[in-house]
Amino acid sequence: MKIHIQTLDFTPRQSLLDLVNEKVGKLEKFSDRIIESRVTLRVEKADKRDNKMCEIRVVIPGNDLFAKKQSESFEEAIQKATETLERQIKDWKEKLRS
């Protein structure tokens, strides 16, 4: 699976990129049909503290799965988004079986 990471309006630390690769890479164990994942990280221009946004699109033949989460830190937003995608992949696999 290829992982494409795009950051908007900031330069990421290498540790953040490593975390994205680790968390998103784990999604591959739920399905071997995942072609690629596109991750977008950005800082929203807002007065709120939870202005870190993570969007992940998982490309699977037939349809894409998508999760968008906002939090106070990128690490937390990435965690929430990957957990959501885990559930979506499991649901998608159940639909294929039936």
Protein backbone atom coordinates (compact mmCIF):
# COMPACT_ATOMS: atom_id res chain seq x y z
CA MET A 1 0.00 0.00 0.00
CA LYS A 2 1.26 3.44 -0.88
CA ILE A 3 0.81 6.24 1.64
CA HIS A 4 0.70 9.80 0.32
CA ILE A 5 1.03 12.53 2.96
CA GLN A 6 0.17 16.14 2.22
CA THR A 7 0.56 18.92 4.77
CA LEU A 8 -1.07 22.29 4.28
CA ASP A 9 0.14 25.54 5.86
CA PHE A 10 2.93 23.99 7.97
CA THR A 11 6.11 21.93 7.78
CA PRO A 12 5.77 18.60 9.63
CA ARG A 13 8.32 17.05 11.98
CA GLN A 14 9.75 13.72 10.89
CA SER A 15 8.23 12.10 14.00
CA LEU A 16 4.76 13.17 12.82
CA LEU A 17 5.35 11.67 9.37
CA ASP A 18 6.59 8.46 10.99
CA LEU A 19 3.44 8.30 13.14
CA VAL A 20 1.22 8.70 10.06
CA ASN A 21 3.09 5.91 8.26
CA GLU A 22 2.82 3.65 11.32
CA LYS A 23 -0.89 4.20 12.04
CA VAL A 24 -2.08 4.21 8.42
CA GLY A 25 0.18 1.27 7.57
CA LYS A 26 -1.63 -0.82 10.20
CA LEU A 27 -4.86 -0.47 8.20
CA GLU A 28 -3.37 -2.82 5.62
CA LYS A 29 -3.71 -5.76 8.02
CA PHE A 30 -7.51 -5.39 7.86
CA SER A 31 -7.66 -5.76 4.06
CA ASP A 32 -5.15 -6.67 1.39
CA ARG A 33 -7.28 -4.90 -1.25
CA ILE A 34 -6.23 -1.41 -0.14
CA ILE A 35 -4.34 0.24 -3.01
CA GLU A 36 -3.27 3.49 -1.37
CA SER A 37 -4.03 5.95 1.40
CA ARG A 38 -4.02 9.71 1.02
CA VAL A 39 -3.47 11.64 4.24
CA THR A 40 -3.95 15.40 4.49
CA LEU A 41 -2.87 17.27 7.63
CA ARG A 42 -3.65 20.94 8.13
CA VAL A 43 -4.09 23.62 10.73
CA GLU A 44 -7.48 25.31 10.58
CA LYS A 45 -7.51 29.05 10.98
CA ALA A 46 -9.70 29.19 14.06
CA ASP A 47 -9.67 30.62 17.55
CA LYS A 48 -10.37 27.20 19.02
CA ARG A 49 -7.60 25.01 20.44
CA ASP A 50 -8.76 21.94 18.53
CA ASN A 51 -7.67 23.28 15.16
CA LYS A 52 -5.56 20.33 13.93
CA MET A 53 -7.28 18.45 11.10
CA CYS A 54 -6.52 14.98 9.71
CA GLU A 55 -8.25 13.64 6.61
CA ILE A 56 -7.55 10.12 5.37
CA ARG A 57 -8.89 8.61 2.14
CA VAL A 58 -8.33 4.87 1.70
CA VAL A 59 -8.55 3.77 -1.95
CA ILE A 60 -10.16 0.35 -2.40
CA PRO A 61 -11.39 -1.06 -5.74
CA GLY A 62 -15.03 -0.11 -6.17
CA ASN A 63 -15.18 2.63 -3.57
CA ASP A 64 -13.08 4.81 -1.27
CA LEU A 65 -13.33 5.05 2.50
CA PHE A 66 -12.91 8.46 4.12
CA ALA A 67 -12.43 9.82 7.65
CA LYS A 68 -11.97 13.41 8.79
CA LYS A 69 -11.15 14.22 12.41
CA GLN A 70 -10.26 17.41 14.25
CA SER A 71 -8.44 17.62 17.57
CA GLU A 72 -6.01 19.61 19.73
CA SER A 73 -3.04 17.63 18.40
CA PHE A 74 -2.23 15.93 15.13
CA GLU A 75 -1.40 12.72 16.99
CA GLU A 76 -4.89 12.54 18.49
CA ALA A 77 -6.58 13.44 15.19
CA ILE A 78 -4.59 10.74 13.36
CA GLN A 79 -5.51 8.17 16.03
CA LYS A 80 -9.24 9.00 15.83
CA ALA A 81 -9.25 8.93 12.02
CA THR A 82 -7.50 5.56 11.79
CA GLU A 83 -9.85 4.05 14.38
CA THR A 84 -12.82 5.26 12.32
CA LEU A 85 -11.33 3.75 9.17
CA GLU A 86 -10.73 0.42 10.93
CA ARG A 87 -14.47 0.22 11.66
CA GLN A 88 -15.31 1.25 8.08
CA ILE A 89 -13.01 -1.42 6.62
CA LYS A 90 -14.53 -4.10 8.87
CA ASP A 91 -18.06 -3.01 7.83
CA TRP A 92 -17.03 -2.99 4.17
CA LYS A 93 -15.65 -6.54 4.47
CA GLU A 94 -18.89 -7.71 6.12
CA LYS A 95 -20.91 -6.31 3.20
CA LEU A 96 -18.68 -8.20 0.76
CA ARG A 97 -19.31 -11.47 2.58
CA SER A 98 -23.09 -11.11 2.43
